[in-house]
N, C-alpha and C. Protein backbone atom coordinates (compact mmCIF):
# COMPACT_ATOMS: atom_id res chain seq x y z
N MET A 1 -41.95 9.07 294.06
CA MET A 1 -40.91 9.54 295.35
C MET A 1 -40.49 8.63 296.11
N ASP A 2 -41.45 7.62 295.92
CA ASP A 2 -40.87 5.98 296.78
C ASP A 2 -39.52 5.65 295.85
N ARG A 3 -39.34 5.88 294.48
CA ARG A 3 -38.60 5.17 293.62
C ARG A 3 -37.24 6.15 293.95
N VAL A 4 -37.03 7.33 294.47
CA VAL A 4 -36.31 8.13 294.54
C VAL A 4 -35.57 7.50 295.51
N ARG A 5 -36.25 7.41 296.74
CA ARG A 5 -35.60 7.05 298.09
C ARG A 5 -35.04 5.64 298.03
N ARG A 6 -35.25 4.98 297.38
CA ARG A 6 -35.07 3.41 297.34
C ARG A 6 -33.65 3.18 296.45
N LEU A 7 -33.49 4.42 295.42
CA LEU A 7 -32.05 4.31 294.35
C LEU A 7 -31.68 5.29 295.24
N ALA A 8 -32.10 6.06 295.99
CA ALA A 8 -30.77 6.87 296.88
C ALA A 8 -30.45 6.08 298.01
N SER A 9 -31.03 5.23 298.62
CA SER A 9 -30.70 4.36 299.45
C SER A 9 -29.55 2.80 299.19
N GLN A 10 -29.59 2.47 297.87
CA GLN A 10 -28.83 1.83 297.38
C GLN A 10 -27.06 1.48 297.75
N ARG A 11 -26.36 2.68 297.03
CA ARG A 11 -25.03 3.18 297.32
C ARG A 11 -25.10 4.27 298.06
N ALA A 12 -23.87 4.11 298.46
CA ALA A 12 -23.38 5.48 298.96
C ALA A 12 -23.17 6.40 298.94
N VAL A 13 -22.94 7.04 297.59
CA VAL A 13 -23.02 8.03 296.77
C VAL A 13 -24.04 8.10 295.90
N VAL A 14 -25.22 8.84 295.16
CA VAL A 14 -26.13 8.56 294.72
C VAL A 14 -26.25 9.71 294.03
N VAL A 15 -25.96 10.01 292.60
CA VAL A 15 -26.39 11.18 291.93
C VAL A 15 -27.33 11.29 290.82
N PHE A 16 -28.35 12.10 291.28
CA PHE A 16 -29.58 12.17 290.12
C PHE A 16 -29.22 13.56 288.98
N SER A 17 -28.74 12.98 287.82
CA SER A 17 -28.10 13.67 286.55
C SER A 17 -29.23 13.98 285.66
N LEU A 18 -28.92 15.00 284.81
CA LEU A 18 -29.17 15.24 283.43
C LEU A 18 -28.23 14.68 282.48
N SER A 19 -28.17 14.23 281.22
CA SER A 19 -27.18 13.71 280.59
C SER A 19 -25.89 14.98 280.08
N SER A 20 -26.70 15.97 279.79
CA SER A 20 -26.72 17.59 278.98
C SER A 20 -26.17 18.56 279.95
N CYS A 21 -26.68 18.41 281.44
CA CYS A 21 -26.43 19.13 282.42
C CYS A 21 -24.79 19.65 282.87
N CYS A 22 -24.34 21.11 282.50
CA CYS A 22 -23.13 21.12 282.81
C CYS A 22 -22.59 21.09 284.61
N MET A 23 -23.80 21.24 285.34
CA MET A 23 -23.44 21.28 286.76
C MET A 23 -23.58 19.92 287.23
N CYS A 24 -24.28 19.11 286.26
CA CYS A 24 -24.06 17.43 286.69
C CYS A 24 -22.89 16.97 286.26
N HIS A 25 -22.53 17.21 285.44
CA HIS A 25 -21.28 16.68 285.03
C HIS A 25 -19.65 17.52 286.21
N THR A 26 -19.81 18.35 286.47
CA THR A 26 -18.99 18.76 287.45
C THR A 26 -19.37 18.36 288.77
N ILE A 27 -20.48 17.73 288.75
CA ILE A 27 -20.32 17.24 290.52
C ILE A 27 -20.16 15.64 290.19
N LYS A 28 -20.48 14.98 289.10
CA LYS A 28 -19.52 13.64 288.75
C LYS A 28 -18.40 13.90 288.95
N ARG A 29 -17.65 14.62 288.46
CA ARG A 29 -16.28 14.87 287.94
C ARG A 29 -15.50 15.30 289.23
N LEU A 30 -16.62 16.00 290.15
CA LEU A 30 -15.72 16.06 291.73
C LEU A 30 -15.61 14.86 291.98
N PHE A 31 -16.45 14.22 292.39
CA PHE A 31 -16.94 12.70 292.93
C PHE A 31 -15.54 11.47 292.65
N CYS A 32 -15.67 11.87 290.84
CA CYS A 32 -14.54 10.68 290.77
C CYS A 32 -12.99 10.97 290.97
N GLU A 33 -12.91 12.94 291.11
CA GLU A 33 -11.74 13.08 291.23
C GLU A 33 -11.15 12.51 292.72
N LEU A 34 -12.10 12.69 293.79
CA LEU A 34 -12.34 12.42 295.02
C LEU A 34 -11.82 10.33 295.14
N GLY A 35 -12.36 9.98 294.15
CA GLY A 35 -11.95 8.53 294.31
C GLY A 35 -13.26 7.88 294.54
N VAL A 36 -14.63 8.28 294.76
CA VAL A 36 -15.63 7.83 294.67
C VAL A 36 -16.10 7.73 293.33
N ASN A 37 -17.29 6.35 293.32
CA ASN A 37 -17.82 5.84 292.53
C ASN A 37 -19.31 6.32 292.58
N PRO A 38 -19.92 7.00 292.07
CA PRO A 38 -21.13 7.41 292.38
C PRO A 38 -21.99 6.39 291.55
N ALA A 39 -23.29 5.97 292.39
CA ALA A 39 -24.63 5.38 291.18
C ALA A 39 -24.66 6.91 290.70
N VAL A 40 -25.00 6.95 288.96
CA VAL A 40 -25.55 7.92 288.72
C VAL A 40 -27.22 7.31 287.77
N HIS A 41 -27.89 8.45 288.16
CA HIS A 41 -29.01 7.83 287.49
C HIS A 41 -29.23 8.94 286.69
N GLU A 42 -29.21 8.87 285.43
CA GLU A 42 -29.79 10.10 283.97
C GLU A 42 -30.83 10.18 283.62
N LEU A 43 -31.69 10.92 284.43
CA LEU A 43 -32.98 11.37 284.20
C LEU A 43 -33.25 11.64 282.74
N ASP A 44 -32.92 12.02 281.65
CA ASP A 44 -33.25 12.05 280.49
C ASP A 44 -33.26 10.53 279.60
N GLU A 45 -32.37 9.72 280.51
CA GLU A 45 -32.61 8.66 280.01
C GLU A 45 -33.31 7.25 280.39
N ASP A 46 -33.77 7.44 281.11
CA ASP A 46 -34.51 6.78 282.36
C ASP A 46 -36.26 7.16 281.99
N PRO A 47 -36.94 5.85 281.52
CA PRO A 47 -38.55 5.52 280.91
C PRO A 47 -39.31 6.88 282.36
N LYS A 48 -39.13 6.56 282.96
CA LYS A 48 -39.52 7.33 284.71
C LYS A 48 -38.46 8.08 285.15
N GLY A 49 -37.87 8.77 283.96
CA GLY A 49 -37.29 9.85 284.83
C GLY A 49 -38.52 11.62 284.70
N LYS A 50 -39.35 11.32 283.86
CA LYS A 50 -39.92 12.54 284.64
C LYS A 50 -40.79 12.75 285.58
N ASP A 51 -41.16 11.52 286.03
CA ASP A 51 -41.64 11.29 287.65
C ASP A 51 -40.27 11.40 288.73
N MET A 52 -39.02 10.82 288.61
CA MET A 52 -38.59 11.22 289.04
C MET A 52 -38.11 12.69 289.11
N GLU A 53 -37.65 12.98 288.62
CA GLU A 53 -37.36 14.83 288.64
C GLU A 53 -38.29 15.71 289.08
N ARG A 54 -39.60 15.09 288.91
CA ARG A 54 -40.74 16.10 289.20
C ARG A 54 -40.96 15.75 291.20
N ALA A 55 -40.02 14.25 291.64
CA ALA A 55 -39.89 14.01 292.66
C ALA A 55 -39.08 14.91 293.53
N LEU A 56 -37.89 14.70 292.96
CA LEU A 56 -36.69 15.70 293.23
C LEU A 56 -36.97 17.02 293.35
N ALA A 57 -37.53 17.78 292.74
CA ALA A 57 -38.23 19.43 292.60
C ALA A 57 -38.85 19.35 293.71
N ASN A 58 -40.01 18.75 294.49
CA ASN A 58 -40.45 18.37 295.73
C ASN A 58 -39.67 18.30 296.63
N MET A 59 -38.84 17.53 296.55
CA MET A 59 -37.81 17.55 297.76
C MET A 59 -36.81 18.90 298.29
N LEU A 60 -36.60 19.20 296.99
CA LEU A 60 -35.51 20.04 297.04
C LEU A 60 -35.91 21.56 296.92
N GLY A 61 -37.11 21.77 296.47
CA GLY A 61 -38.29 22.82 296.53
C GLY A 61 -37.21 23.52 295.61
N ARG A 62 -37.12 23.18 294.21
CA ARG A 62 -36.61 23.74 293.07
C ARG A 62 -36.69 23.13 292.18
N SER A 63 -36.29 23.74 291.04
CA SER A 63 -36.92 23.40 289.64
C SER A 63 -35.62 24.15 288.74
N PRO A 64 -34.67 23.33 287.96
CA PRO A 64 -34.74 21.77 287.56
C PRO A 64 -33.71 21.64 289.09
N PRO A 65 -34.30 20.11 289.28
CA PRO A 65 -33.77 20.00 291.28
C PRO A 65 -32.37 19.32 290.79
N VAL A 66 -31.81 18.89 289.47
CA VAL A 66 -30.70 18.34 288.92
C VAL A 66 -29.24 19.28 289.12
N PRO A 67 -28.15 18.70 289.67
CA PRO A 67 -27.80 17.82 290.33
C PRO A 67 -28.81 17.44 291.54
N ALA A 68 -28.85 16.10 291.92
CA ALA A 68 -29.56 16.05 293.23
C ALA A 68 -28.14 14.76 294.11
N VAL A 69 -28.05 15.12 295.04
CA VAL A 69 -26.74 14.51 295.19
C VAL A 69 -27.69 13.76 296.90
N PHE A 70 -27.33 12.39 296.71
CA PHE A 70 -27.20 11.60 298.20
C PHE A 70 -26.28 11.20 298.53
N ILE A 71 -25.60 11.33 299.92
CA ILE A 71 -24.93 10.39 300.39
C ILE A 71 -25.24 9.81 301.56
N GLY A 72 -25.10 8.64 302.25
CA GLY A 72 -25.09 7.63 303.30
C GLY A 72 -27.00 7.41 303.12
N GLY A 73 -27.49 7.92 302.02
CA GLY A 73 -29.18 7.47 301.71
C GLY A 73 -29.86 9.16 302.13
N ASN A 74 -29.33 9.98 302.78
CA ASN A 74 -29.76 11.14 302.77
C ASN A 74 -29.22 12.53 301.63
N LEU A 75 -30.49 13.15 301.40
CA LEU A 75 -30.32 14.22 300.26
C LEU A 75 -29.27 14.92 301.10
N VAL A 76 -28.15 15.92 300.14
CA VAL A 76 -27.39 16.96 300.70
C VAL A 76 -27.72 17.66 299.74
N GLY A 77 -28.02 17.68 298.47
CA GLY A 77 -28.28 18.84 297.99
C GLY A 77 -28.17 18.88 296.72
N PRO A 78 -28.69 20.21 296.12
CA PRO A 78 -27.63 20.35 294.57
C PRO A 78 -26.12 20.63 294.31
N THR A 79 -25.65 21.42 293.28
CA THR A 79 -24.53 21.79 293.42
C THR A 79 -23.60 22.67 294.25
N ASP A 80 -24.93 23.73 294.82
CA ASP A 80 -23.89 24.71 295.90
C ASP A 80 -24.07 23.97 297.27
N GLU A 81 -24.54 22.92 297.18
CA GLU A 81 -24.77 22.50 298.71
C GLU A 81 -23.31 21.17 298.54
N VAL A 82 -23.43 20.63 297.95
CA VAL A 82 -22.08 19.62 297.61
C VAL A 82 -20.41 20.47 297.81
N MET A 83 -20.65 21.60 297.08
CA MET A 83 -19.60 22.36 296.82
C MET A 83 -19.12 23.25 298.06
N ALA A 84 -20.11 23.60 298.66
CA ALA A 84 -20.24 24.19 300.28
C ALA A 84 -19.18 23.10 301.35
N LEU A 85 -20.10 22.17 300.99
CA LEU A 85 -19.36 21.08 301.74
C LEU A 85 -18.18 20.60 301.70
N HIS A 86 -17.81 20.82 300.13
CA HIS A 86 -16.38 20.66 299.58
C HIS A 86 -15.25 21.50 300.13
N LEU A 87 -15.41 23.00 300.24
CA LEU A 87 -14.70 23.94 300.27
C LEU A 87 -14.72 23.91 301.77
N GLY A 88 -15.67 23.81 302.61
CA GLY A 88 -15.64 23.75 303.72
C GLY A 88 -14.43 22.74 304.49
N GLY A 89 -14.06 21.67 303.76
CA GLY A 89 -13.59 20.14 304.43
C GLY A 89 -14.67 19.16 304.86
N LYS A 90 -15.47 20.00 304.64
CA LYS A 90 -16.61 18.62 305.49
C LYS A 90 -17.21 17.09 304.08
N LEU A 91 -16.77 17.50 302.89
CA LEU A 91 -17.42 16.62 302.16
C LEU A 91 -16.77 15.27 302.37
N VAL A 92 -15.22 15.56 302.49
CA VAL A 92 -14.54 13.84 302.57
C VAL A 92 -14.86 13.23 303.57
N PRO A 93 -15.25 13.85 304.79
CA PRO A 93 -15.16 13.28 306.18
C PRO A 93 -16.59 12.58 305.47
N LEU A 94 -17.78 13.36 305.26
CA LEU A 94 -19.16 12.77 305.15
C LEU A 94 -19.11 11.54 304.24
N LEU A 95 -18.68 11.51 302.97
CA LEU A 95 -17.91 10.77 302.19
C LEU A 95 -17.24 9.05 302.72
N ARG A 96 -16.25 9.43 303.78
CA ARG A 96 -16.16 8.18 304.57
C ARG A 96 -17.10 7.95 305.48
N ASN A 97 -17.73 8.58 306.39
CA ASN A 97 -18.55 8.31 307.31
C ASN A 97 -19.96 7.27 306.24
N ALA A 98 -20.01 7.28 305.42
CA ALA A 98 -20.77 6.81 304.69
C ALA A 98 -20.44 5.42 304.09
N GLY A 99 -18.98 5.42 303.93
CA GLY A 99 -18.44 3.78 303.21
C GLY A 99 -18.00 4.36 301.73
N ALA A 100 -18.34 5.64 301.38
CA ALA A 100 -17.73 6.06 299.95
C ALA A 100 -16.07 5.68 299.81
N LEU A 101 -15.65 6.48 300.60
CA LEU A 101 -14.09 6.60 300.40
C LEU A 101 -13.46 5.77 301.99
N TRP A 102 -12.30 4.95 301.58
CA TRP A 102 -11.54 4.08 302.73
C TRP A 102 -10.44 4.77 303.35
N LEU A 103 -9.89 5.63 302.75
CA LEU A 103 -8.70 6.36 302.93
C LEU A 103 -8.98 8.20 303.39
C-alpha cells in the first residue's frame, strides 16, 4: 500500500492499469484527449504489480481494481467515477487544481 501511495503522489495524474484492459485504455485515452500526460503504471508489467493490485483492491473495495485513478495524490476511483466527474463538468477543474492542465 505504501508503494501505491508513493507512486500516486509523484505526479498530478496517476493511472494504475492493466495493459489488456479496455476500460483502462478508455481512461488513458480520455486524459490524453484532454491534454493531460498521466503517469501510467501497468500492473501486469511490474514485478510488484500483484501486490499493488491487492492494495488497490483494498482501497477501492472492488476487484479488479483497475483502472485506479489518482489526481493530486487523491484516489478518484475507477472508470465510473472519472466519467461521472467528466460528464458533470468537474474533471477539468479538478485537473487544473492538481496542476495537470494549465489552460
